[in-house]
Amino acid sequence: MKNPKDISTFLNGFNLGAILTMISMLDVLLKSQNKLEFFVVLFMISINGVVIGIVTQYVLIHSNITRNMVYTFLKSKDKIPTKLLNMRNGHIEKTLKMMAGIRFNIKKNLIILFGLLLLLMLSLCLPILYSYQQASRFVYFGIFWSVLVLLRTMLRSTILINNSRYLVYKMDILFAFYEFEPTVAMYKHVNDDSET
């Protein structure tokens, strides 16, 4: 699989969004009476391209990261993964603190994901509503491809969400076993950073 962090991942999403939006708004673009209408259409094309590009890249990057982490935790069964222990020279407490940070980031990334999905829905709806208002012949095409893009993104996001839930579940089991409180560890970490 191609590296999702590569700029080509964003560009593929951008091109897909921009081209499909342009086709669905072609009628409106050709009928535009003044420069303002023309620039509004171009703005919507650009926005859809950028949003689809960002969401696609974000989902692919974090799906890739969480998939690798799930594999690491599956290999370790009910123990702390050796890979994580080695990163902290075998110190269990330091490894648990690192895992608390990972757990926090996983939850934060899920909040960002939901925000991006809402942004995607909004950006997909705007051209459809504008095309409908302008009585465009391509409004149904716009609805069709928007639903397909949304379904594809939701499917990929479901994989990311399931991976994230599994990781949090496995970490919580390990925290309970070692009687480690991740929220307290994160609070101390934030306080230590603010004091330095």
N, C-alpha and C. Protein backbone atom coordinates (compact mmCIF):
# COMPACT_ATOMS: atom_id res chain seq x y z
N MET A 1 0.84 -1.20 0.00
CA MET A 1 0.00 0.00 0.00
C MET A 1 0.88 1.25 0.00
N LYS A 2 0.43 2.24 -0.79
CA LYS A 2 1.16 3.50 -0.87
C LYS A 2 1.10 4.23 0.47
N ASN A 3 2.18 4.95 0.79
CA ASN A 3 2.26 5.68 2.05
C ASN A 3 1.15 6.74 2.10
N PRO A 4 0.19 6.64 3.05
CA PRO A 4 -0.91 7.61 3.10
C PRO A 4 -0.46 9.02 3.46
N LYS A 5 0.76 9.16 4.04
CA LYS A 5 1.27 10.50 4.39
C LYS A 5 1.78 11.25 3.17
N ASP A 6 1.93 10.55 2.05
CA ASP A 6 2.43 11.15 0.83
C ASP A 6 1.42 12.19 0.31
N ILE A 7 1.92 13.25 -0.30
CA ILE A 7 1.06 14.33 -0.82
C ILE A 7 0.11 13.82 -1.90
N SER A 8 0.49 12.73 -2.58
CA SER A 8 -0.36 12.18 -3.65
C SER A 8 -1.70 11.67 -3.10
N THR A 9 -1.73 11.25 -1.83
CA THR A 9 -2.99 10.80 -1.21
C THR A 9 -3.97 11.96 -1.12
N PHE A 10 -3.46 13.13 -0.68
CA PHE A 10 -4.30 14.33 -0.63
C PHE A 10 -4.73 14.74 -2.03
N LEU A 11 -3.79 14.72 -2.97
CA LEU A 11 -4.09 15.16 -4.34
C LEU A 11 -5.12 14.26 -5.01
N ASN A 12 -5.06 12.96 -4.75
CA ASN A 12 -6.06 12.04 -5.30
C ASN A 12 -7.46 12.39 -4.81
N GLY A 13 -7.56 12.65 -3.50
CA GLY A 13 -8.84 13.06 -2.91
C GLY A 13 -9.30 14.41 -3.44
N PHE A 14 -8.35 15.34 -3.56
CA PHE A 14 -8.67 16.68 -4.08
C PHE A 14 -9.18 16.59 -5.51
N ASN A 15 -8.46 15.85 -6.36
CA ASN A 15 -8.86 15.71 -7.76
C ASN A 15 -10.23 15.07 -7.90
N LEU A 16 -10.47 14.03 -7.12
CA LEU A 16 -11.77 13.35 -7.15
C LEU A 16 -12.90 14.32 -6.80
N GLY A 17 -12.72 15.04 -5.68
CA GLY A 17 -13.75 15.98 -5.24
C GLY A 17 -13.96 17.13 -6.21
N ALA A 18 -12.86 17.71 -6.68
CA ALA A 18 -12.95 18.87 -7.58
C ALA A 18 -13.56 18.50 -8.92
N ILE A 19 -13.14 17.38 -9.50
CA ILE A 19 -13.65 16.97 -10.82
C ILE A 19 -15.14 16.62 -10.75
N LEU A 20 -15.53 15.83 -9.74
CA LEU A 20 -16.94 15.44 -9.62
C LEU A 20 -17.83 16.64 -9.31
N THR A 21 -17.35 17.56 -8.49
CA THR A 21 -18.12 18.78 -8.19
C THR A 21 -18.25 19.63 -9.44
N MET A 22 -17.19 19.72 -10.23
CA MET A 22 -17.22 20.51 -11.46
C MET A 22 -18.23 19.94 -12.45
N ILE A 23 -18.25 18.59 -12.58
CA ILE A 23 -19.20 17.96 -13.50
C ILE A 23 -20.64 18.20 -13.03
N SER A 24 -20.88 18.05 -11.72
CA SER A 24 -22.23 18.22 -11.19
C SER A 24 -22.69 19.68 -11.23
N MET A 25 -21.74 20.62 -11.31
CA MET A 25 -22.10 22.05 -11.36
C MET A 25 -21.82 22.67 -12.72
N LEU A 26 -21.59 21.83 -13.72
CA LEU A 26 -21.24 22.32 -15.07
C LEU A 26 -22.35 23.19 -15.65
N ASP A 27 -23.59 22.75 -15.46
CA ASP A 27 -24.75 23.50 -15.95
C ASP A 27 -24.81 24.88 -15.31
N VAL A 28 -24.60 24.93 -14.01
CA VAL A 28 -24.63 26.20 -13.26
C VAL A 28 -23.48 27.09 -13.70
N LEU A 29 -22.32 26.46 -13.93
CA LEU A 29 -21.12 27.19 -14.34
C LEU A 29 -21.33 27.86 -15.70
N LEU A 30 -21.95 27.14 -16.63
CA LEU A 30 -22.19 27.68 -17.98
C LEU A 30 -23.28 28.74 -17.99
N LYS A 31 -24.23 28.63 -17.06
CA LYS A 31 -25.34 29.58 -17.00
C LYS A 31 -25.02 30.82 -16.16
N SER A 32 -23.89 30.84 -15.50
CA SER A 32 -23.56 31.95 -14.60
C SER A 32 -23.59 33.29 -15.34
N GLN A 33 -24.37 34.23 -14.79
CA GLN A 33 -24.62 35.52 -15.44
C GLN A 33 -23.52 36.55 -15.15
N ASN A 34 -22.89 36.43 -14.02
CA ASN A 34 -21.87 37.43 -13.66
C ASN A 34 -20.67 36.75 -13.01
N LYS A 35 -19.65 37.56 -12.73
CA LYS A 35 -18.41 37.02 -12.16
C LYS A 35 -18.62 36.44 -10.77
N LEU A 36 -19.53 37.05 -9.99
CA LEU A 36 -19.77 36.58 -8.63
C LEU A 36 -20.27 35.14 -8.63
N GLU A 37 -21.26 34.84 -9.47
CA GLU A 37 -21.79 33.47 -9.56
C GLU A 37 -20.70 32.50 -10.01
N PHE A 38 -19.90 32.94 -10.97
CA PHE A 38 -18.81 32.11 -11.50
C PHE A 38 -17.80 31.78 -10.38
N PHE A 39 -17.44 32.79 -9.59
CA PHE A 39 -16.47 32.59 -8.50
C PHE A 39 -17.05 31.77 -7.34
N VAL A 40 -18.36 31.89 -7.11
CA VAL A 40 -19.03 31.07 -6.08
C VAL A 40 -18.92 29.59 -6.45
N VAL A 41 -19.17 29.28 -7.73
CA VAL A 41 -19.07 27.90 -8.22
C VAL A 41 -17.63 27.39 -8.10
N LEU A 42 -16.67 28.21 -8.52
CA LEU A 42 -15.26 27.82 -8.42
C LEU A 42 -14.83 27.60 -6.97
N PHE A 43 -15.37 28.44 -6.08
CA PHE A 43 -15.08 28.31 -4.65
C PHE A 43 -15.59 26.97 -4.11
N MET A 44 -16.81 26.61 -4.50
CA MET A 44 -17.39 25.33 -4.06
C MET A 44 -16.61 24.14 -4.59
N ILE A 45 -16.16 24.25 -5.84
CA ILE A 45 -15.35 23.18 -6.45
C ILE A 45 -14.05 23.01 -5.66
N SER A 46 -13.39 24.14 -5.36
CA SER A 46 -12.12 24.11 -4.62
C SER A 46 -12.31 23.57 -3.20
N ILE A 47 -13.36 24.07 -2.52
CA ILE A 47 -13.63 23.64 -1.14
C ILE A 47 -13.89 22.14 -1.07
N ASN A 48 -14.72 21.63 -1.99
CA ASN A 48 -15.00 20.20 -1.99
C ASN A 48 -13.74 19.38 -2.22
N GLY A 49 -12.90 19.84 -3.14
CA GLY A 49 -11.64 19.15 -3.40
C GLY A 49 -10.74 19.11 -2.18
N VAL A 50 -10.59 20.27 -1.52
CA VAL A 50 -9.72 20.37 -0.33
C VAL A 50 -10.26 19.50 0.81
N VAL A 51 -11.56 19.60 1.09
CA VAL A 51 -12.15 18.85 2.20
C VAL A 51 -12.05 17.34 1.96
N ILE A 52 -12.39 16.89 0.76
CA ILE A 52 -12.30 15.45 0.45
C ILE A 52 -10.85 14.97 0.53
N GLY A 53 -9.93 15.80 0.05
CA GLY A 53 -8.50 15.46 0.13
C GLY A 53 -8.02 15.32 1.56
N ILE A 54 -8.38 16.29 2.42
CA ILE A 54 -7.96 16.27 3.83
C ILE A 54 -8.57 15.08 4.57
N VAL A 55 -9.88 14.87 4.39
CA VAL A 55 -10.57 13.78 5.10
C VAL A 55 -10.02 12.43 4.67
N THR A 56 -9.83 12.25 3.35
CA THR A 56 -9.28 10.99 2.83
C THR A 56 -7.91 10.70 3.43
N GLN A 57 -7.04 11.71 3.42
CA GLN A 57 -5.68 11.52 3.94
C GLN A 57 -5.70 11.25 5.44
N TYR A 58 -6.51 11.99 6.18
CA TYR A 58 -6.59 11.82 7.64
C TYR A 58 -7.04 10.40 8.00
N VAL A 59 -8.11 9.95 7.34
CA VAL A 59 -8.65 8.62 7.64
C VAL A 59 -7.65 7.53 7.29
N LEU A 60 -7.00 7.65 6.13
CA LEU A 60 -6.03 6.63 5.70
C LEU A 60 -4.80 6.58 6.62
N ILE A 61 -4.30 7.75 7.01
CA ILE A 61 -3.12 7.81 7.90
C ILE A 61 -3.43 7.11 9.23
N HIS A 62 -4.55 7.50 9.85
CA HIS A 62 -4.87 6.96 11.18
C HIS A 62 -5.37 5.52 11.13
N SER A 63 -5.98 5.12 10.01
CA SER A 63 -6.34 3.70 9.84
C SER A 63 -5.08 2.85 9.79
N ASN A 64 -4.09 3.35 9.08
CA ASN A 64 -2.80 2.64 8.94
C ASN A 64 -2.09 2.52 10.29
N ILE A 65 -2.05 3.63 11.04
CA ILE A 65 -1.39 3.64 12.36
C ILE A 65 -2.10 2.68 13.33
N THR A 66 -3.43 2.80 13.41
CA THR A 66 -4.18 1.96 14.36
C THR A 66 -4.14 0.49 13.96
N ARG A 67 -4.12 0.20 12.66
CA ARG A 67 -4.04 -1.20 12.20
C ARG A 67 -2.73 -1.83 12.66
N ASN A 68 -1.63 -1.09 12.52
CA ASN A 68 -0.33 -1.59 12.97
C ASN A 68 -0.29 -1.79 14.49
N MET A 69 -0.93 -0.86 15.22
CA MET A 69 -0.97 -0.98 16.68
C MET A 69 -1.83 -2.17 17.12
N VAL A 70 -2.94 -2.38 16.43
CA VAL A 70 -3.81 -3.53 16.74
C VAL A 70 -3.02 -4.82 16.55
N TYR A 71 -2.27 -4.90 15.46
CA TYR A 71 -1.44 -6.09 15.19
C TYR A 71 -0.42 -6.31 16.33
N THR A 72 0.18 -5.22 16.81
CA THR A 72 1.15 -5.30 17.91
C THR A 72 0.50 -5.82 19.19
N PHE A 73 -0.70 -5.31 19.50
CA PHE A 73 -1.41 -5.75 20.71
C PHE A 73 -1.93 -7.18 20.58
N LEU A 74 -2.32 -7.59 19.38
CA LEU A 74 -2.77 -8.96 19.17
C LEU A 74 -1.63 -9.95 19.40
N LYS A 75 -0.44 -9.57 18.94
CA LYS A 75 0.74 -10.43 19.11
C LYS A 75 1.10 -10.60 20.59
N SER A 76 0.91 -9.53 21.36
CA SER A 76 1.30 -9.55 22.78
C SER A 76 0.27 -10.22 23.68
N LYS A 77 -0.94 -10.48 23.12
CA LYS A 77 -2.06 -11.09 23.87
C LYS A 77 -2.43 -10.21 25.07
N ASP A 78 -2.25 -10.71 26.30
CA ASP A 78 -2.68 -9.94 27.48
C ASP A 78 -1.51 -9.25 28.20
N LYS A 79 -0.41 -9.11 27.50
CA LYS A 79 0.77 -8.45 28.09
C LYS A 79 1.01 -7.11 27.41
N ILE A 80 1.87 -6.31 28.03
CA ILE A 80 2.29 -5.05 27.40
C ILE A 80 3.13 -5.42 26.17
N PRO A 81 2.82 -4.84 25.00
CA PRO A 81 3.60 -5.16 23.80
C PRO A 81 5.10 -4.91 23.99
N THR A 82 5.90 -5.88 23.57
CA THR A 82 7.37 -5.78 23.71
C THR A 82 7.90 -4.55 23.01
N LYS A 83 7.28 -4.24 21.87
CA LYS A 83 7.72 -3.07 21.09
C LYS A 83 7.63 -1.79 21.92
N LEU A 84 6.54 -1.64 22.67
CA LEU A 84 6.36 -0.46 23.53
C LEU A 84 7.31 -0.48 24.72
N LEU A 85 7.49 -1.65 25.31
CA LEU A 85 8.43 -1.79 26.43
C LEU A 85 9.85 -1.42 26.03
N ASN A 86 10.26 -1.85 24.84
CA ASN A 86 11.61 -1.55 24.33
C ASN A 86 11.81 -0.05 24.13
N MET A 87 10.72 0.64 23.78
CA MET A 87 10.82 2.09 23.58
C MET A 87 11.09 2.83 24.89
N ARG A 88 10.76 2.19 26.02
CA ARG A 88 11.00 2.78 27.35
C ARG A 88 11.98 1.94 28.16
N ASN A 89 12.89 1.25 27.46
CA ASN A 89 13.97 0.45 28.08
C ASN A 89 13.46 -0.56 29.13
N GLY A 90 12.29 -1.12 28.89
CA GLY A 90 11.75 -2.16 29.77
C GLY A 90 11.08 -1.66 31.03
N HIS A 91 11.01 -0.32 31.24
CA HIS A 91 10.36 0.24 32.44
C HIS A 91 8.84 0.19 32.26
N ILE A 92 8.19 -0.59 33.12
CA ILE A 92 6.74 -0.78 32.99
C ILE A 92 5.98 0.52 33.25
N GLU A 93 6.36 1.26 34.31
CA GLU A 93 5.64 2.49 34.64
C GLU A 93 5.75 3.53 33.52
N LYS A 94 6.95 3.68 32.97
CA LYS A 94 7.16 4.63 31.87
C LYS A 94 6.37 4.20 30.63
N THR A 95 6.31 2.89 30.40
CA THR A 95 5.56 2.37 29.26
C THR A 95 4.07 2.62 29.44
N LEU A 96 3.58 2.44 30.66
CA LEU A 96 2.16 2.69 30.95
C LEU A 96 1.82 4.17 30.78
N LYS A 97 2.75 5.04 31.17
CA LYS A 97 2.55 6.49 30.96
C LYS A 97 2.48 6.81 29.47
N MET A 98 3.36 6.16 28.70
CA MET A 98 3.35 6.36 27.25
C MET A 98 2.03 5.86 26.66
N MET A 99 1.55 4.72 27.16
CA MET A 99 0.27 4.17 26.70
C MET A 99 -0.90 5.09 27.05
N ALA A 100 -0.80 5.76 28.20
CA ALA A 100 -1.84 6.73 28.59
C ALA A 100 -1.88 7.88 27.59
N GLY A 101 -0.70 8.31 27.13
CA GLY A 101 -0.61 9.35 26.11
C GLY A 101 -1.18 8.89 24.78
N ILE A 102 -0.88 7.63 24.41
CA ILE A 102 -1.41 7.06 23.17
C ILE A 102 -2.93 6.97 23.24
N ARG A 103 -3.43 6.52 24.39
CA ARG A 103 -4.89 6.39 24.59
C ARG A 103 -5.57 7.75 24.46
N PHE A 104 -4.96 8.78 25.05
CA PHE A 104 -5.50 10.14 24.96
C PHE A 104 -5.53 10.61 23.51
N ASN A 105 -4.44 10.34 22.76
CA ASN A 105 -4.36 10.75 21.35
C ASN A 105 -5.39 10.02 20.49
N ILE A 106 -5.62 8.74 20.80
CA ILE A 106 -6.62 7.97 20.05
C ILE A 106 -8.00 8.61 20.21
N LYS A 107 -8.35 8.96 21.46
CA LYS A 107 -9.65 9.58 21.72
C LYS A 107 -9.74 10.97 21.07
N LYS A 108 -8.65 11.71 21.12
CA LYS A 108 -8.61 13.04 20.50
C LYS A 108 -8.79 12.92 18.99
N ASN A 109 -8.11 11.92 18.38
CA ASN A 109 -8.21 11.71 16.94
C ASN A 109 -9.62 11.33 16.50
N LEU A 110 -10.34 10.61 17.36
CA LEU A 110 -11.73 10.25 17.05
C LEU A 110 -12.63 11.48 17.05
N ILE A 111 -12.38 12.41 17.98
CA ILE A 111 -13.15 13.67 18.02
C ILE A 111 -12.88 14.47 16.75
N ILE A 112 -11.60 14.54 16.35
CA ILE A 112 -11.23 15.23 15.10
C ILE A 112 -11.91 14.57 13.91
N LEU A 113 -11.93 13.22 13.91
CA LEU A 113 -12.56 12.48 12.81
C LEU A 113 -14.04 12.84 12.68
N PHE A 114 -14.76 12.88 13.80
CA PHE A 114 -16.19 13.22 13.75
C PHE A 114 -16.39 14.66 13.25
N GLY A 115 -15.51 15.56 13.65
CA GLY A 115 -15.57 16.93 13.15
C GLY A 115 -15.34 17.00 11.65
N LEU A 116 -14.37 16.23 11.16
CA LEU A 116 -14.08 16.20 9.72
C LEU A 116 -15.22 15.58 8.93
N LEU A 117 -15.87 14.57 9.49
CA LEU A 117 -17.01 13.95 8.81
C LEU A 117 -18.18 14.92 8.70
N LEU A 118 -18.40 15.72 9.74
CA LEU A 118 -19.44 16.76 9.69
C LEU A 118 -19.11 17.81 8.63
N LEU A 119 -17.84 18.20 8.58
CA LEU A 119 -17.38 19.16 7.58
C LEU A 119 -17.56 18.60 6.17
N LEU A 120 -17.26 17.31 6.00
CA LEU A 120 -17.43 16.66 4.70
C LEU A 120 -18.89 16.68 4.27
N MET A 121 -19.79 16.34 5.20
CA MET A 121 -21.23 16.35 4.88
C MET A 121 -21.69 17.74 4.45
N LEU A 122 -21.22 18.75 5.17
CA LEU A 122 -21.59 20.13 4.85
C LEU A 122 -21.07 20.53 3.48
N SER A 123 -19.80 20.21 3.21
CA SER A 123 -19.20 20.59 1.92
C SER A 123 -19.84 19.85 0.75
N LEU A 124 -20.32 18.62 0.98
CA LEU A 124 -21.01 17.87 -0.07
C LEU A 124 -22.43 18.39 -0.32
N CYS A 125 -23.06 18.90 0.75
CA CYS A 125 -24.44 19.40 0.62
C CYS A 125 -24.52 20.76 -0.08
N LEU A 126 -23.52 21.61 0.13
CA LEU A 126 -23.58 22.98 -0.42
C LEU A 126 -23.75 23.01 -1.94
N PRO A 127 -22.92 22.29 -2.73
CA PRO A 127 -23.09 22.31 -4.19
C PRO A 127 -24.44 21.74 -4.63
N ILE A 128 -24.94 20.72 -3.91
CA ILE A 128 -26.23 20.12 -4.26
C ILE A 128 -27.35 21.14 -4.06
N LEU A 129 -27.33 21.83 -2.92
CA LEU A 129 -28.36 22.84 -2.63
C LEU A 129 -28.29 24.00 -3.62
N TYR A 130 -27.06 24.42 -3.95
CA TYR A 130 -26.89 25.52 -4.90
C TYR A 130 -27.36 25.10 -6.30
N SER A 131 -27.03 23.87 -6.71
CA SER A 131 -27.46 23.35 -8.02
C SER A 131 -28.98 23.24 -8.08
N TYR A 132 -29.58 22.80 -6.98
CA TYR A 132 -31.05 22.67 -6.91
C TYR A 132 -31.71 24.04 -7.02
N GLN A 133 -31.12 25.02 -6.33
CA GLN A 133 -31.66 26.39 -6.38
C GLN A 133 -31.58 26.97 -7.79
N GLN A 134 -30.51 26.61 -8.51
CA GLN A 134 -30.31 27.11 -9.88
C GLN A 134 -31.00 26.21 -10.92
N ALA A 135 -31.75 25.22 -10.47
CA ALA A 135 -32.47 24.27 -11.35
C ALA A 135 -31.52 23.59 -12.34
N SER A 136 -30.42 23.10 -11.83
CA SER A 136 -29.42 22.43 -12.67
C SER A 136 -29.90 21.04 -13.08
N ARG A 137 -29.51 20.62 -14.29
CA ARG A 137 -29.87 19.28 -14.79
C ARG A 137 -29.03 18.20 -14.13
N PHE A 138 -27.90 18.60 -13.52
CA PHE A 138 -26.96 17.63 -12.95
C PHE A 138 -27.11 17.44 -11.44
N VAL A 139 -28.22 17.94 -10.88
CA VAL A 139 -28.39 17.88 -9.42
C VAL A 139 -28.44 16.43 -8.92
N TYR A 140 -29.07 15.53 -9.68
CA TYR A 140 -29.15 14.12 -9.26
C TYR A 140 -27.80 13.42 -9.35
N PHE A 141 -27.00 13.84 -10.33
CA PHE A 141 -25.64 13.30 -10.42
C PHE A 141 -24.83 13.73 -9.20
N GLY A 142 -25.03 14.99 -8.79
CA GLY A 142 -24.35 15.52 -7.60
C GLY A 142 -24.73 14.74 -6.34
N ILE A 143 -26.03 14.44 -6.21
CA ILE A 143 -26.50 13.66 -5.05
C ILE A 143 -25.89 12.26 -5.08
N PHE A 144 -25.89 11.64 -6.27
CA PHE A 144 -25.40 10.27 -6.44
C PHE A 144 -23.93 10.13 -6.03
N TRP A 145 -23.06 10.98 -6.58
CA TRP A 145 -21.63 10.83 -6.27
C TRP A 145 -21.31 11.26 -4.84
N SER A 146 -22.07 12.23 -4.32
CA SER A 146 -21.86 12.68 -2.93
C SER A 146 -22.16 11.55 -1.94
N VAL A 147 -23.26 10.81 -2.21
CA VAL A 147 -23.63 9.67 -1.36
C VAL A 147 -22.55 8.59 -1.43
N LEU A 148 -22.03 8.33 -2.64
CA LEU A 148 -20.98 7.32 -2.81
C LEU A 148 -19.71 7.70 -2.05
N VAL A 149 -19.30 8.97 -2.17
CA VAL A 149 -18.10 9.44 -1.46
C VAL A 149 -18.30 9.34 0.05
N LEU A 150 -19.49 9.73 0.51
CA LEU A 150 -19.80 9.68 1.95
C LEU A 150 -19.79 8.24 2.46
N LEU A 151 -20.39 7.33 1.69
CA LEU A 151 -20.42 5.91 2.09
C LEU A 151 -19.01 5.32 2.14
N ARG A 152 -18.20 5.65 1.13
CA ARG A 152 -16.82 5.15 1.10
C ARG A 152 -16.03 5.66 2.32
N THR A 153 -16.20 6.95 2.62
CA THR A 153 -15.50 7.55 3.77
C THR A 153 -15.99 6.95 5.08
N MET A 154 -17.30 6.73 5.18
CA MET A 154 -17.88 6.14 6.40
C MET A 154 -17.36 4.72 6.61
N LEU A 155 -17.23 3.97 5.52
CA LEU A 155 -16.72 2.60 5.61
C LEU A 155 -15.28 2.59 6.13
N ARG A 156 -14.45 3.46 5.57
CA ARG A 156 -13.06 3.58 6.02
C ARG A 156 -13.00 4.06 7.47
N SER A 157 -13.89 4.99 7.81
CA SER A 157 -13.92 5.53 9.18
C SER A 157 -14.34 4.48 10.19
N THR A 158 -15.25 3.58 9.77
CA THR A 158 -15.70 2.49 10.65
C THR A 158 -14.53 1.59 11.04
N ILE A 159 -13.66 1.32 10.08
CA ILE A 159 -12.46 0.50 10.35
C ILE A 159 -11.58 1.21 11.39
N LEU A 160 -11.38 2.52 11.18
CA LEU A 160 -10.57 3.32 12.12
C LEU A 160 -11.20 3.34 13.51
N ILE A 161 -12.52 3.52 13.58
CA ILE A 161 -13.22 3.58 14.87
C ILE A 161 -13.11 2.24 15.60
N ASN A 162 -13.32 1.14 14.87
CA ASN A 162 -13.23 -0.20 15.48
C ASN A 162 -11.82 -0.49 16.00
N ASN A 163 -10.80 -0.11 15.20
CA ASN A 163 -9.41 -0.28 15.64
C ASN A 163 -9.14 0.52 16.92
N SER A 164 -9.63 1.76 16.93
CA SER A 164 -9.41 2.66 18.08
C SER A 164 -10.09 2.12 19.33
N ARG A 165 -11.31 1.63 19.17
CA ARG A 165 -12.05 1.07 20.32
C ARG A 165 -11.34 -0.17 20.87
N TYR A 166 -10.82 -1.00 19.98
CA TYR A 166 -10.09 -2.20 20.41
C TYR A 166 -8.84 -1.81 21.21
N LEU A 167 -8.10 -0.82 20.70
CA LEU A 167 -6.87 -0.38 21.36
C LEU A 167 -7.15 0.19 22.75
N VAL A 168 -8.18 1.03 22.85
CA VAL A 168 -8.55 1.61 24.15
C VAL A 168 -8.97 0.50 25.12
N TYR A 169 -9.72 -0.47 24.61
CA TYR A 169 -10.16 -1.61 25.43
C TYR A 169 -8.97 -2.40 25.96
N LYS A 170 -8.01 -2.71 25.09
CA LYS A 170 -6.83 -3.48 25.50
C LYS A 170 -5.97 -2.70 26.50
N MET A 171 -5.83 -1.41 26.27
CA MET A 171 -5.05 -0.57 27.19
C MET A 171 -5.73 -0.48 28.55
N ASP A 172 -7.05 -0.36 28.56
CA ASP A 172 -7.79 -0.29 29.82
C ASP A 172 -7.63 -1.57 30.64
N ILE A 173 -7.58 -2.71 29.95
CA ILE A 173 -7.35 -4.00 30.64
C ILE A 173 -5.97 -3.99 31.31
N LEU A 174 -4.96 -3.52 30.57
CA LEU A 174 -3.59 -3.46 31.11
C LEU A 174 -3.49 -2.46 32.25
N PHE A 175 -4.17 -1.31 32.12
CA PHE A 175 -4.16 -0.31 33.20
C PHE A 175 -4.80 -0.89 34.47
N ALA A 176 -5.90 -1.63 34.30
CA ALA A 176 -6.57 -2.25 35.45
C ALA A 176 -5.69 -3.31 36.10
N PHE A 177 -4.99 -4.08 35.28
CA PHE A 177 -4.12 -5.14 35.79
C PHE A 177 -2.97 -4.56 36.62
N TYR A 178 -2.38 -3.46 36.14
CA TYR A 178 -1.25 -2.83 36.84
C TYR A 178 -1.71 -1.75 37.83
N GLU A 179 -3.05 -1.61 38.00
CA GLU A 179 -3.63 -0.60 38.89
C GLU A 179 -3.06 0.79 38.59
N PHE A 180 -3.09 1.11 37.31
CA PHE A 180 -2.55 2.38 36.82
C PHE A 180 -3.71 3.26 36.38
N GLU A 181 -3.70 4.52 36.82
CA GLU A 181 -4.77 5.45 36.47
C GLU A 181 -4.29 6.38 35.35
N PRO A 182 -4.76 6.16 34.09
CA PRO A 182 -4.26 6.95 32.96
C PRO A 182 -4.59 8.43 33.02
N THR A 183 -5.78 8.77 33.56
CA THR A 183 -6.16 10.19 33.63
C THR A 183 -5.27 10.97 34.60
N VAL A 184 -4.92 10.33 35.72
CA VAL A 184 -4.01 10.95 36.69
C VAL A 184 -2.63 11.14 36.07
N ALA A 185 -2.17 10.13 35.34
CA ALA A 185 -0.86 10.20 34.67
C ALA A 185 -0.83 11.33 33.65
N MET A 186 -1.93 11.47 32.89
CA MET A 186 -2.00 12.54 31.88
C MET A 186 -2.04 13.91 32.55
N TYR A 187 -2.77 14.01 33.68
CA TYR A 187 -2.86 15.27 34.41
C TYR A 187 -1.49 15.69 34.94
N LYS A 188 -0.75 14.73 35.50
CA LYS A 188 0.60 15.00 36.00
C LYS A 188 1.53 15.41 34.88
N HIS A 189 1.38 14.75 33.73
CA HIS A 189 2.23 15.04 32.57
C HIS A 189 2.01 16.47 32.08
N VAL A 190 0.72 16.88 32.04
CA VAL A 190 0.38 18.25 31.61
C VAL A 190 0.93 19.27 32.60
N ASN A 191 0.79 18.98 33.90
CA ASN A 191 1.31 19.89 34.93
C ASN A 191 2.82 20.01 34.88
N ASP A 192 3.50 18.88 34.65
CA ASP A 192 4.97 18.89 34.55
C ASP A 192 5.43 19.73 33.37
N ASP A 193 4.69 19.63 32.26
CA ASP A 193 5.03 20.40 31.06
C ASP A 193 4.82 21.89 31.28
N SER A 194 3.74 22.25 32.02
CA SER A 194 3.45 23.67 32.25
C SER A 194 4.45 24.31 33.21
N GLU A 195 5.02 23.50 34.10
CA GLU A 195 5.99 24.03 35.06
C GLU A 195 7.37 24.25 34.44
N THR A 196 7.70 23.47 33.40
CA THR A 196 9.03 23.60 32.77
C THR A 196 9.05 24.72 31.75
